[in-house]
Amino acid sequence: MEYKSRTIMNIEKSLIYFRMHIYTCDNMVKIAFIGVGKIGQTIAYSVIFDGLASEVILYDIIPELPEKFEHELRHAMATRGLSTEVIGTNSLDDVANADIILIMAGKPRKPGMSRRDLFVDNAKIQIDLAKQLPPKNPGALYIMVANPVDMMASIFMRFSKQFTISTGDTVETMRMRSYISKKLKVPVTKVTGYVAGEHGEDAVVLWSTVKVNGKPFEEIAKGLTKEEVENYVKSIPGEIIRVMGGTTWGPATIIKDIVRSVVLNEGRVMSIATPRTYQGEIIHISVPTVVGAEIGPSLEGVLPESDRERLNKSVEDFYKVYKENLDHLLQVIKQ
């Protein structure tokens, strides 16, 4: 069967939706990984061992790293009899005809740094990639992973004109669910709910969506406060980075699940950051969104007014900081 992919973008009430039409034989999907440091390696491993790609491209600027990682993957794949085609390269010219491109390239967040501290340096990297990747990858879905992830997604889409999402608050959502599960001693599968807004310290728990065994959080909290849950979600990444040097396993597994939902058209509701227009600028904000071969619609319209007000405040706050950083960046790159 011939393999083809194409994309359609629609703008409805300032929200931008995406549709990927994939006609495949045995999941003939080509996925590129831009940046194969610790988290890139973990995501690539998970994607391959979940059988989500027929071909994988591993790109990094560090000499020999992609090639040697390719060998490592092939050794691991041999234990499972996997025949995914894997190409490790230091040349962006080899990143061609990909259906999904995950971008990890950027400086990592170090102890004591906020995600926003990384803005200018990582934005320059995204601008360079935005110029080089689209011509050889028509119709690709771009998934931003590099921090500050929502701002980098907005930068990449601004300069590439290609549909881009970020991992957004999918990680915060799972941190919230796992903490409630642990504190209330219930299976994590019995905890539902979402975190929205900007990824990071300004994320917003959508409490109207949080249920335990199908009951509202307030009815079953047993002394666990909303403030405690929110503080955990916001503080635990910094604690992990302080001790372990970075967050890897949680984000990588969740990002693999985003890829899985797209490739297999699962239609899962995930709190990814999708593009919208605000004050004439494209920005990325997380909202619970249907993720499959189509990205969207979101569930924003069915949220109660209290959650929408908090989300709107998050949009305003994000735009203000993003616009300040963007204006500074534009001055820097003119020099």
C-alpha atoms as a PDB file:
ATOM      1  CA  MET A   1       0.000   0.000   0.000  1.00  0.00           C
ATOM      2  CA  GLU A   2       1.316   3.431  -0.881  1.00  0.00           C
ATOM      3  CA  TYR A   3       2.049   5.620   2.093  1.00  0.00           C
ATOM      4  CA  LYS A   4       0.922   9.235   2.115  1.00  0.00           C
ATOM      5  CA  SER A   5       0.345  11.886   4.709  1.00  0.00           C
ATOM      6  CA  ARG A   6      -1.022  15.407   4.601  1.00  0.00           C
ATOM      7  CA  THR A   7      -2.270  17.940   7.073  1.00  0.00           C
ATOM      8  CA  ILE A   8      -5.163  20.317   7.346  1.00  0.00           C
ATOM      9  CA  MET A   9      -5.314  23.251   9.753  1.00  0.00           C
ATOM     10  CA  ASN A  10      -8.550  24.997  10.664  1.00  0.00           C
ATOM     11  CA  ILE A  11      -9.113  28.036  12.843  1.00  0.00           C
ATOM     12  CA  GLU A  12     -12.334  28.028  14.851  1.00  0.00           C
ATOM     13  CA  LYS A  13     -12.954  30.745  17.432  1.00  0.00           C
ATOM     14  CA  SER A  14      -9.208  31.432  17.630  1.00  0.00           C
ATOM     15  CA  LEU A  15      -8.380  27.747  18.287  1.00  0.00           C
ATOM     16  CA  ILE A  16      -6.300  26.005  15.653  1.00  0.00           C
ATOM     17  CA  TYR A  17      -7.006  22.362  14.911  1.00  0.00           C
ATOM     18  CA  PHE A  18      -4.988  19.803  13.006  1.00  0.00           C
ATOM     19  CA  ARG A  19      -5.828  16.706  11.018  1.00  0.00           C
ATOM     20  CA  MET A  20      -3.308  14.158   9.827  1.00  0.00           C
ATOM     21  CA  HIS A  21      -4.535  11.703   7.217  1.00  0.00           C
ATOM     22  CA  ILE A  22      -2.399   8.590   7.296  1.00  0.00           C
ATOM     23  CA  TYR A  23      -2.876   5.657   4.961  1.00  0.00           C
ATOM     24  CA  THR A  24      -0.607   2.915   6.172  1.00  0.00           C
ATOM     25  CA  CYS A  25       0.299  -0.715   5.899  1.00  0.00           C
ATOM     26  CA  ASP A  26       1.437  -2.140   9.253  1.00  0.00           C
ATOM     27  CA  ASN A  27       1.860   1.304  10.855  1.00  0.00           C
ATOM     28  CA  MET A  28       4.272   2.653   8.246  1.00  0.00           C
ATOM     29  CA  VAL A  29       4.995   5.790  10.236  1.00  0.00           C
ATOM     30  CA  LYS A  30       8.299   7.656  10.160  1.00  0.00           C
ATOM     31  CA  ILE A  31       9.264   9.508  13.337  1.00  0.00           C
ATOM     32  CA  ALA A  32      12.227  11.862  13.756  1.00  0.00           C
ATOM     33  CA  PHE A  33      13.888  12.749  17.053  1.00  0.00           C
ATOM     34  CA  ILE A  34      15.705  16.091  17.046  1.00  0.00           C
ATOM     35  CA  GLY A  35      18.070  15.910  20.004  1.00  0.00           C
ATOM     36  CA  VAL A  36      18.892  12.526  21.516  1.00  0.00           C
ATOM     37  CA  GLY A  37      20.153  13.375  24.962  1.00  0.00           C
ATOM     38  CA  LYS A  38      18.800  11.568  27.995  1.00  0.00           C
ATOM     39  CA  ILE A  39      15.117  12.304  27.448  1.00  0.00           C
ATOM     40  CA  GLY A  40      15.322  11.944  23.660  1.00  0.00           C
ATOM     41  CA  GLN A  41      16.907   8.525  24.059  1.00  0.00           C
ATOM     42  CA  THR A  42      14.243   7.421  26.518  1.00  0.00           C
ATOM     43  CA  ILE A  43      11.388   8.553  24.269  1.00  0.00           C
ATOM     44  CA  ALA A  44      12.916   6.900  21.200  1.00  0.00           C
ATOM     45  CA  TYR A  45      13.374   3.619  23.068  1.00  0.00           C
ATOM     46  CA  SER A  46       9.758   3.707  24.286  1.00  0.00           C
ATOM     47  CA  VAL A  47       8.364   4.542  20.840  1.00  0.00           C
ATOM     48  CA  ILE A  48      10.290   1.728  19.152  1.00  0.00           C
ATOM     49  CA  PHE A  49       9.458  -0.893  21.767  1.00  0.00           C
ATOM     50  CA  ASP A  50       5.781   0.082  21.597  1.00  0.00           C
ATOM     51  CA  GLY A  51       5.876  -0.651  17.867  1.00  0.00           C
ATOM     52  CA  LEU A  52       4.770   2.858  16.906  1.00  0.00           C
ATOM     53  CA  ALA A  53       7.160   3.502  14.008  1.00  0.00           C
ATOM     54  CA  SER A  54       8.420   1.661  10.959  1.00  0.00           C
ATOM     55  CA  GLU A  55      11.348   4.067  10.655  1.00  0.00           C
ATOM     56  CA  VAL A  56      13.112   6.270  13.201  1.00  0.00           C
ATOM     57  CA  ILE A  57      15.610   9.066  12.556  1.00  0.00           C
ATOM     58  CA  LEU A  58      17.899  10.094  15.411  1.00  0.00           C
ATOM     59  CA  TYR A  59      19.510  13.525  15.014  1.00  0.00           C
ATOM     60  CA  ASP A  60      21.902  15.383  17.285  1.00  0.00           C
ATOM     61  CA  ILE A  61      24.726  17.891  16.834  1.00  0.00           C
ATOM     62  CA  ILE A  62      27.063  15.955  19.151  1.00  0.00           C
ATOM     63  CA  PRO A  63      29.493  14.002  16.945  1.00  0.00           C
ATOM     64  CA  GLU A  64      28.917  10.235  16.910  1.00  0.00           C
ATOM     65  CA  LEU A  65      26.152  10.332  19.538  1.00  0.00           C
ATOM     66  CA  PRO A  66      23.246   9.470  17.192  1.00  0.00           C
ATOM     67  CA  GLU A  67      25.253   6.733  15.482  1.00  0.00           C
ATOM     68  CA  LYS A  68      26.335   5.079  18.731  1.00  0.00           C
ATOM     69  CA  PHE A  69      22.814   5.367  20.146  1.00  0.00           C
ATOM     70  CA  GLU A  70      21.557   3.700  16.964  1.00  0.00           C
ATOM     71  CA  HIS A  71      23.839   0.737  17.695  1.00  0.00           C
ATOM     72  CA  GLU A  72      22.599   0.557  21.282  1.00  0.00           C
ATOM     73  CA  LEU A  73      19.000   0.519  20.098  1.00  0.00           C
ATOM     74  CA  ARG A  74      19.695  -2.177  17.514  1.00  0.00           C
ATOM     75  CA  HIS A  75      21.272  -4.380  20.197  1.00  0.00           C
ATOM     76  CA  ALA A  76      18.206  -3.950  22.408  1.00  0.00           C
ATOM     77  CA  MET A  77      15.821  -4.477  19.477  1.00  0.00           C
ATOM     78  CA  ALA A  78      17.521  -7.758  18.618  1.00  0.00           C
ATOM     79  CA  THR A  79      16.388  -9.216  21.952  1.00  0.00           C
ATOM     80  CA  ARG A  80      12.764  -8.672  20.888  1.00  0.00           C
ATOM     81  CA  GLY A  81      13.127  -9.431  17.192  1.00  0.00           C
ATOM     82  CA  LEU A  82      12.200  -5.861  16.226  1.00  0.00           C
ATOM     83  CA  SER A  83      13.050  -4.696  12.716  1.00  0.00           C
ATOM     84  CA  THR A  84      12.311  -0.953  12.934  1.00  0.00           C
ATOM     85  CA  GLU A  85      14.640   0.923  10.592  1.00  0.00           C
ATOM     86  CA  VAL A  86      16.852   3.215  12.695  1.00  0.00           C
ATOM     87  CA  ILE A  87      19.132   5.915  11.296  1.00  0.00           C
ATOM     88  CA  GLY A  88      21.501   7.939  13.494  1.00  0.00           C
ATOM     89  CA  THR A  89      22.843  11.134  11.948  1.00  0.00           C
ATOM     90  CA  ASN A  90      24.555  14.461  12.590  1.00  0.00           C
ATOM     91  CA  SER A  91      23.027  15.950   9.432  1.00  0.00           C
ATOM     92  CA  LEU A  92      19.595  17.569   9.288  1.00  0.00           C
ATOM     93  CA  ASP A  93      19.585  16.738   5.577  1.00  0.00           C
ATOM     94  CA  ASP A  94      18.849  13.147   6.601  1.00  0.00           C
ATOM     95  CA  VAL A  95      15.671  14.215   8.399  1.00  0.00           C
ATOM     96  CA  ALA A  96      13.248  13.928   5.498  1.00  0.00           C
ATOM     97  CA  ASN A  97       9.673  12.774   4.868  1.00  0.00           C
ATOM     98  CA  ALA A  98       8.944  12.313   8.560  1.00  0.00           C
ATOM     99  CA  ASP A  99       5.340  12.163   9.713  1.00  0.00           C
ATOM    100  CA  ILE A 100       6.002  13.152  13.315  1.00  0.00           C
ATOM    101  CA  ILE A 101       8.981  15.220  14.480  1.00  0.00           C
ATOM    102  CA  LEU A 102       9.771  15.489  18.176  1.00  0.00           C
ATOM    103  CA  ILE A 103      12.055  18.372  19.131  1.00  0.00           C
ATOM    104  CA  MET A 104      14.174  17.941  22.236  1.00  0.00           C
ATOM    105  CA  ALA A 105      17.083  20.079  20.982  1.00  0.00           C
ATOM    106  CA  GLY A 106      17.984  22.798  23.436  1.00  0.00           C
ATOM    107  CA  LYS A 107      19.896  23.533  26.580  1.00  0.00           C
ATOM    108  CA  PRO A 108      18.598  21.551  29.563  1.00  0.00           C
ATOM    109  CA  ARG A 109      17.187  23.102  32.681  1.00  0.00           C
ATOM    110  CA  LYS A 110      19.692  23.061  35.549  1.00  0.00           C
ATOM    111  CA  PRO A 111      19.103  23.272  39.314  1.00  0.00           C
ATOM    112  CA  GLY A 112      17.907  26.736  40.295  1.00  0.00           C
ATOM    113  CA  MET A 113      16.844  27.661  36.748  1.00  0.00           C
ATOM    114  CA  SER A 114      13.286  28.361  35.714  1.00  0.00           C
ATOM    115  CA  ARG A 115      12.089  27.073  32.364  1.00  0.00           C
ATOM    116  CA  ARG A 116      11.813  30.687  31.202  1.00  0.00           C
ATOM    117  CA  ASP A 117      15.521  31.277  31.920  1.00  0.00           C
ATOM    118  CA  LEU A 118      16.219  29.141  28.861  1.00  0.00           C
ATOM    119  CA  PHE A 119      14.178  31.276  26.471  1.00  0.00           C
ATOM    120  CA  VAL A 120      16.661  33.167  24.271  1.00  0.00           C
ATOM    121  CA  ASP A 121      19.233  30.414  23.800  1.00  0.00           C
ATOM    122  CA  ASN A 122      16.679  27.737  23.042  1.00  0.00           C
ATOM    123  CA  ALA A 123      14.563  30.048  20.884  1.00  0.00           C
ATOM    124  CA  LYS A 124      17.545  30.584  18.577  1.00  0.00           C
ATOM    125  CA  ILE A 125      17.822  26.822  18.177  1.00  0.00           C
ATOM    126  CA  GLN A 126      14.111  26.519  17.341  1.00  0.00           C
ATOM    127  CA  ILE A 127      14.320  29.309  14.764  1.00  0.00           C
ATOM    128  CA  ASP A 128      17.163  27.499  13.021  1.00  0.00           C
ATOM    129  CA  LEU A 129      15.212  24.227  13.025  1.00  0.00           C
ATOM    130  CA  ALA A 130      12.081  26.047  11.828  1.00  0.00           C
ATOM    131  CA  LYS A 131      13.973  27.116   8.712  1.00  0.00           C
ATOM    132  CA  GLN A 132      15.560  23.747   7.951  1.00  0.00           C
ATOM    133  CA  LEU A 133      12.987  21.066   8.781  1.00  0.00           C
ATOM    134  CA  PRO A 134       9.742  21.987   6.946  1.00  0.00           C
ATOM    135  CA  PRO A 135      11.021  21.941   3.330  1.00  0.00           C
ATOM    136  CA  LYS A 136      11.968  18.259   3.580  1.00  0.00           C
ATOM    137  CA  ASN A 137       9.098  17.176   5.830  1.00  0.00           C
ATOM    138  CA  PRO A 138       5.815  18.306   4.256  1.00  0.00           C
ATOM    139  CA  GLY A 139       2.748  17.683   6.373  1.00  0.00           C
ATOM    140  CA  ALA A 140       4.644  16.631   9.490  1.00  0.00           C
ATOM    141  CA  LEU A 141       3.221  17.035  12.977  1.00  0.00           C
ATOM    142  CA  TYR A 142       5.745  18.798  15.212  1.00  0.00           C
ATOM    143  CA  ILE A 143       5.801  18.007  18.937  1.00  0.00           C
ATOM    144  CA  MET A 144       7.863  20.380  21.072  1.00  0.00           C
ATOM    145  CA  VAL A 145       9.646  18.958  24.117  1.00  0.00           C
ATOM    146  CA  ALA A 146      12.460  21.511  24.678  1.00  0.00           C
ATOM    147  CA  ASN A 147      11.876  23.991  27.517  1.00  0.00           C
ATOM    148  CA  PRO A 148      10.282  26.412  28.069  1.00  0.00           C
ATOM    149  CA  VAL A 149       8.106  24.068  26.072  1.00  0.00           C
ATOM    150  CA  ASP A 150       4.993  26.161  25.374  1.00  0.00           C
ATOM    151  CA  MET A 151       7.012  29.223  24.393  1.00  0.00           C
ATOM    152  CA  MET A 152       9.317  27.123  22.208  1.00  0.00           C
ATOM    153  CA  ALA A 153       6.283  25.627  20.452  1.00  0.00           C
ATOM    154  CA  SER A 154       4.992  29.143  19.794  1.00  0.00           C
ATOM    155  CA  ILE A 155       8.393  30.263  18.490  1.00  0.00           C
ATOM    156  CA  PHE A 156       8.752  27.236  16.234  1.00  0.00           C
ATOM    157  CA  MET A 157       5.253  27.627  14.775  1.00  0.00           C
ATOM    158  CA  ARG A 158       5.728  31.388  14.323  1.00  0.00           C
ATOM    159  CA  PHE A 159       8.864  30.925  12.231  1.00  0.00           C
ATOM    160  CA  SER A 160       8.000  27.646  10.477  1.00  0.00           C
ATOM    161  CA  LYS A 161       4.276  28.205   9.787  1.00  0.00           C
ATOM    162  CA  GLN A 162       3.847  24.492  10.567  1.00  0.00           C
ATOM    163  CA  PHE A 163       1.320  23.001  12.974  1.00  0.00           C
ATOM    164  CA  THR A 164       3.041  22.456  16.302  1.00  0.00           C
ATOM    165  CA  ILE A 165       1.906  21.199  19.672  1.00  0.00           C
ATOM    166  CA  SER A 166       3.802  20.943  22.924  1.00  0.00           C
ATOM    167  CA  THR A 167       3.669  18.294  25.596  1.00  0.00           C
ATOM    168  CA  GLY A 168       2.095  20.986  27.745  1.00  0.00           C
ATOM    169  CA  ASP A 169       0.554  19.891  31.021  1.00  0.00           C
ATOM    170  CA  THR A 170       0.315  16.177  30.261  1.00  0.00           C
ATOM    171  CA  VAL A 171       3.157  15.670  32.741  1.00  0.00           C
ATOM    172  CA  GLU A 172       1.545  17.873  35.410  1.00  0.00           C
ATOM    173  CA  THR A 173      -1.705  15.970  34.918  1.00  0.00           C
ATOM    174  CA  MET A 174      -0.041  12.645  35.684  1.00  0.00           C
ATOM    175  CA  ARG A 175       1.866  14.119  38.624  1.00  0.00           C
ATOM    176  CA  MET A 176      -1.423  15.343  40.047  1.00  0.00           C
ATOM    177  CA  ARG A 177      -3.140  11.982  39.566  1.00  0.00           C
ATOM    178  CA  SER A 178      -0.230   9.997  40.984  1.00  0.00           C
ATOM    179  CA  TYR A 179      -0.028  12.186  44.100  1.00  0.00           C
ATOM    180  CA  ILE A 180      -3.744  11.928  44.830  1.00  0.00           C
ATOM    181  CA  SER A 181      -3.523   8.164  44.273  1.00  0.00           C
ATOM    182  CA  LYS A 182      -0.665   7.830  46.751  1.00  0.00           C
ATOM    183  CA  LYS A 183      -2.132  10.091  49.442  1.00  0.00           C
ATOM    184  CA  LEU A 184      -5.639   8.601  49.299  1.00  0.00           C
ATOM    185  CA  LYS A 185      -4.364   5.037  48.802  1.00  0.00           C
ATOM    186  CA  VAL A 186      -6.461   4.339  45.714  1.00  0.00           C
ATOM    187  CA  PRO A 187      -5.360   2.884  42.357  1.00  0.00           C
ATOM    188  CA  VAL A 188      -4.184   5.634  40.024  1.00  0.00           C
ATOM    189  CA  THR A 189      -6.667   4.327  37.447  1.00  0.00           C
ATOM    190  CA  LYS A 190      -9.431   5.517  39.780  1.00  0.00           C
ATOM    191  CA  VAL A 191      -8.177   9.114  39.692  1.00  0.00           C
ATOM    192  CA  THR A 192      -9.178  11.319  36.768  1.00  0.00           C
ATOM    193  CA  GLY A 193      -8.777  15.003  36.050  1.00  0.00           C
ATOM    194  CA  TYR A 194      -6.558  17.480  34.238  1.00  0.00           C
ATOM    195  CA  VAL A 195      -4.066  20.281  34.717  1.00  0.00           C
ATOM    196  CA  ALA A 196      -4.135  23.142  32.196  1.00  0.00           C
ATOM    197  CA  GLY A 197      -2.581  26.510  31.389  1.00  0.00           C
ATOM    198  CA  GLU A 198       1.164  26.974  30.964  1.00  0.00           C
ATOM    199  CA  HIS A 199       3.494  24.048  31.613  1.00  0.00           C
ATOM    200  CA  GLY A 200       5.411  24.564  34.834  1.00  0.00           C
ATOM    201  CA  GLU A 201       4.981  26.647  37.959  1.00  0.00           C
ATOM    202  CA  ASP A 202       1.926  28.501  36.613  1.00  0.00           C
ATOM    203  CA  ALA A 203      -0.076  25.396  35.708  1.00  0.00           C
ATOM    204  CA  VAL A 204      -3.726  25.351  36.809  1.00  0.00           C
ATOM    205  CA  VAL A 205      -5.503  22.299  38.240  1.00  0.00           C
ATOM    206  CA  LEU A 206      -8.983  22.079  36.718  1.00  0.00           C
ATOM    207  CA  TRP A 207     -10.672  20.950  39.912  1.00  0.00           C
ATOM    208  CA  SER A 208     -14.060  20.449  38.290  1.00  0.00           C
ATOM    209  CA  THR A 209     -12.520  17.578  36.311  1.00  0.00           C
ATOM    210  CA  VAL A 210     -10.814  15.858  39.266  1.00  0.00           C
ATOM    211  CA  LYS A 211     -12.649  12.727  40.386  1.00  0.00           C
ATOM    212  CA  VAL A 212     -11.728   9.818  42.662  1.00  0.00           C
ATOM    213  CA  ASN A 213     -13.726   6.657  42.053  1.00  0.00           C
ATOM    214  CA  GLY A 214     -16.059   8.848  40.017  1.00  0.00           C
ATOM    215  CA  LYS A 215     -16.769  11.199  42.920  1.00  0.00           C
ATOM    216  CA  PRO A 216     -15.722  14.859  43.162  1.00  0.00           C
ATOM    217  CA  PHE A 217     -12.387  15.368  44.890  1.00  0.00           C
ATOM    218  CA  GLU A 218     -13.990  17.347  47.732  1.00  0.00           C
ATOM    219  CA  GLU A 219     -16.171  14.383  48.730  1.00  0.00           C
ATOM    220  CA  ILE A 220     -13.307  11.957  49.177  1.00  0.00           C
ATOM    221  CA  ALA A 221     -10.284  14.127  50.020  1.00  0.00           C
ATOM    222  CA  LYS A 222      -9.846  12.780  53.602  1.00  0.00           C
ATOM    223  CA  GLY A 223      -7.890  15.828  54.727  1.00  0.00           C
ATOM    224  CA  LEU A 224      -5.874  16.147  51.530  1.00  0.00           C
ATOM    225  CA  THR A 225      -6.162  19.787  50.479  1.00  0.00           C
ATOM    226  CA  LYS A 226      -6.205  21.263  47.013  1.00  0.00           C
ATOM    227  CA  GLU A 227      -3.338  23.524  48.031  1.00  0.00           C
ATOM    228  CA  GLU A 228      -1.186  20.511  48.963  1.00  0.00           C
ATOM    229  CA  VAL A 229      -1.851  18.852  45.608  1.00  0.00           C
ATOM    230  CA  GLU A 230      -1.109  22.045  43.672  1.00  0.00           C
ATOM    231  CA  ASN A 231       2.102  22.651  45.632  1.00  0.00           C
ATOM    232  CA  TYR A 232       3.287  19.119  44.879  1.00  0.00           C
ATOM    233  CA  VAL A 233       2.607  19.455  41.159  1.00  0.00           C
ATOM    234  CA  LYS A 234       4.557  22.723  41.014  1.00  0.00           C
ATOM    235  CA  SER A 235       7.466  21.806  43.300  1.00  0.00           C
ATOM    236  CA  ILE A 236       8.295  18.166  42.546  1.00  0.00           C
ATOM    237  CA  PRO A 237      10.043  18.810  39.184  1.00  0.00           C
ATOM    238  CA  GLY A 238      12.575  21.100  40.860  1.00  0.00           C
ATOM    239  CA  GLU A 239      13.163  18.547  43.616  1.00  0.00           C
ATOM    240  CA  ILE A 240      13.765  15.778  41.080  1.00  0.00           C
ATOM    241  CA  ILE A 241      16.140  18.002  39.092  1.00  0.00           C
ATOM    242  CA  ARG A 242      18.042  18.923  42.273  1.00  0.00           C
ATOM    243  CA  VAL A 243      18.690  15.279  43.170  1.00  0.00           C
ATOM    244  CA  MET A 244      18.673  13.454  39.820  1.00  0.00           C
ATOM    245  CA  GLY A 245      19.848  16.180  37.467  1.00  0.00           C
ATOM    246  CA  GLY A 246      16.679  16.148  35.374  1.00  0.00           C
ATOM    247  CA  THR A 247      13.226  14.668  34.893  1.00  0.00           C
ATOM    248  CA  THR A 248      13.224  11.806  32.417  1.00  0.00           C
ATOM    249  CA  TRP A 249      11.044   8.753  32.952  1.00  0.00           C
ATOM    250  CA  GLY A 250       7.748  10.508  33.650  1.00  0.00           C
ATOM    251  CA  PRO A 251       7.960  12.978  30.754  1.00  0.00           C
ATOM    252  CA  ALA A 252       9.357  10.400  28.313  1.00  0.00           C
ATOM    253  CA  THR A 253       6.606   7.872  28.999  1.00  0.00           C
ATOM    254  CA  ILE A 254       3.902  10.505  28.726  1.00  0.00           C
ATOM    255  CA  ILE A 255       5.348  11.880  25.474  1.00  0.00           C
ATOM    256  CA  LYS A 256       5.402   8.362  24.059  1.00  0.00           C
ATOM    257  CA  ASP A 257       1.707   8.117  24.956  1.00  0.00           C
ATOM    258  CA  ILE A 258       1.007  11.304  22.969  1.00  0.00           C
ATOM    259  CA  VAL A 259       2.744   9.751  19.955  1.00  0.00           C
ATOM    260  CA  ARG A 260       0.828   6.525  20.484  1.00  0.00           C
ATOM    261  CA  SER A 261      -2.527   8.300  20.577  1.00  0.00           C
ATOM    262  CA  VAL A 262      -1.720  10.072  17.285  1.00  0.00           C
ATOM    263  CA  VAL A 263      -0.315   7.049  15.442  1.00  0.00           C
ATOM    264  CA  LEU A 264      -3.041   4.624  16.551  1.00  0.00           C
ATOM    265  CA  ASN A 265      -5.769   7.282  16.409  1.00  0.00           C
ATOM    266  CA  GLU A 266      -6.789   6.454  19.976  1.00  0.00           C
ATOM    267  CA  GLY A 267      -8.609   9.734  20.542  1.00  0.00           C
ATOM    268  CA  ARG A 268      -7.422  10.042  24.125  1.00  0.00           C
ATOM    269  CA  VAL A 269      -8.119  13.266  25.994  1.00  0.00           C
ATOM    270  CA  MET A 270      -4.746  14.715  27.000  1.00  0.00           C
ATOM    271  CA  SER A 271      -3.723  18.110  28.346  1.00  0.00           C
ATOM    272  CA  ILE A 272      -1.377  19.013  25.504  1.00  0.00           C
ATOM    273  CA  ALA A 273      -0.634  22.617  24.587  1.00  0.00           C
ATOM    274  CA  THR A 274      -2.260  23.551  21.298  1.00  0.00           C
ATOM    275  CA  PRO A 275      -1.961  26.790  19.330  1.00  0.00           C
ATOM    276  CA  ARG A 276      -4.482  29.600  19.533  1.00  0.00           C
ATOM    277  CA  THR A 277      -4.423  33.206  18.441  1.00  0.00           C
ATOM    278  CA  TYR A 278      -4.361  35.861  21.162  1.00  0.00           C
ATOM    279  CA  GLN A 279      -3.763  39.565  20.581  1.00  0.00           C
ATOM    280  CA  GLY A 280      -2.733  38.664  17.033  1.00  0.00           C
ATOM    281  CA  GLU A 281      -0.022  36.246  18.174  1.00  0.00           C
ATOM    282  CA  ILE A 282      -0.002  32.447  18.107  1.00  0.00           C
ATOM    283  CA  ILE A 283       0.502  31.081  21.611  1.00  0.00           C
ATOM    284  CA  HIS A 284       0.358  27.590  23.104  1.00  0.00           C
ATOM    285  CA  ILE A 285      -1.760  26.827  26.172  1.00  0.00           C
ATOM    286  CA  SER A 286      -2.704  23.430  27.594  1.00  0.00           C
ATOM    287  CA  VAL A 287      -6.344  22.396  27.633  1.00  0.00           C
ATOM    288  CA  PRO A 288      -7.764  18.855  27.745  1.00  0.00           C
ATOM    289  CA  THR A 289      -7.833  17.993  24.045  1.00  0.00           C
ATOM    290  CA  VAL A 290      -8.761  14.984  21.941  1.00  0.00           C
ATOM    291  CA  VAL A 291      -5.532  13.507  20.558  1.00  0.00           C
ATOM    292  CA  GLY A 292      -5.631  11.156  17.602  1.00  0.00           C
ATOM    293  CA  ALA A 293      -5.073  11.448  13.880  1.00  0.00           C
ATOM    294  CA  GLU A 294      -6.946  14.685  14.500  1.00  0.00           C
ATOM    295  CA  ILE A 295      -5.703  17.094  17.151  1.00  0.00           C
ATOM    296  CA  GLY A 296      -8.816  18.666  18.635  1.00  0.00           C
ATOM    297  CA  PRO A 297     -11.344  19.672  19.541  1.00  0.00           C
ATOM    298  CA  SER A 298     -10.574  20.685  23.101  1.00  0.00           C
ATOM    299  CA  LEU A 299     -12.919  20.396  26.064  1.00  0.00           C
ATOM    300  CA  GLU A 300     -12.501  24.063  26.953  1.00  0.00           C
ATOM    301  CA  GLY A 301     -16.057  24.907  25.987  1.00  0.00           C
ATOM    302  CA  VAL A 302     -17.585  22.442  28.463  1.00  0.00           C
ATOM    303  CA  LEU A 303     -15.553  23.578  31.472  1.00  0.00           C
ATOM    304  CA  PRO A 304     -17.465  25.479  34.168  1.00  0.00           C
ATOM    305  CA  GLU A 305     -17.029  29.228  34.340  1.00  0.00           C
ATOM    306  CA  SER A 306     -14.728  29.033  37.374  1.00  0.00           C
ATOM    307  CA  ASP A 307     -12.212  26.878  35.488  1.00  0.00           C
ATOM    308  CA  ARG A 308     -12.506  28.944  32.316  1.00  0.00           C
ATOM    309  CA  GLU A 309     -11.783  32.129  34.279  1.00  0.00           C
ATOM    310  CA  ARG A 310      -8.597  30.618  35.718  1.00  0.00           C
ATOM    311  CA  LEU A 311      -7.630  29.362  32.279  1.00  0.00           C
ATOM    312  CA  ASN A 312      -8.242  32.771  30.704  1.00  0.00           C
ATOM    313  CA  LYS A 313      -6.068  34.353  33.397  1.00  0.00           C
ATOM    314  CA  SER A 314      -3.354  31.832  32.530  1.00  0.00           C
ATOM    315  CA  VAL A 315      -3.608  32.805  28.855  1.00  0.00           C
ATOM    316  CA  GLU A 316      -3.242  36.501  29.714  1.00  0.00           C
ATOM    317  CA  ASP A 317      -0.273  35.891  32.005  1.00  0.00           C
ATOM    318  CA  PHE A 318       1.435  33.624  29.489  1.00  0.00           C
ATOM    319  CA  TYR A 319       0.958  36.115  26.658  1.00  0.00           C
ATOM    320  CA  LYS A 320       2.408  38.980  28.685  1.00  0.00           C
ATOM    321  CA  VAL A 321       5.622  37.108  29.532  1.00  0.00           C
ATOM    322  CA  TYR A 322       5.881  35.492  26.097  1.00  0.00           C
ATOM    323  CA  LYS A 323       5.465  38.827  24.305  1.00  0.00           C
ATOM    324  CA  GLU A 324       8.169  40.436  26.451  1.00  0.00           C
ATOM    325  CA  ASN A 325      10.537  37.555  25.703  1.00  0.00           C
ATOM    326  CA  LEU A 326       9.596  37.530  22.016  1.00  0.00           C
ATOM    327  CA  ASP A 327      10.204  41.262  21.598  1.00  0.00           C
ATOM    328  CA  HIS A 328      13.596  40.907  23.284  1.00  0.00           C
ATOM    329  CA  LEU A 329      14.438  37.922  21.079  1.00  0.00           C
ATOM    330  CA  LEU A 330      13.546  39.796  17.902  1.00  0.00           C
ATOM    331  CA  GLN A 331      15.877  42.608  18.934  1.00  0.00           C
ATOM    332  CA  VAL A 332      18.685  40.131  19.683  1.00  0.00           C
ATOM    333  CA  ILE A 333      18.458  38.314  16.355  1.00  0.00           C
ATOM    334  CA  LYS A 334      18.471  41.636  14.466  1.00  0.00           C
ATOM    335  CA  GLN A 335      21.861  42.529  15.951  1.00  0.00           C
END
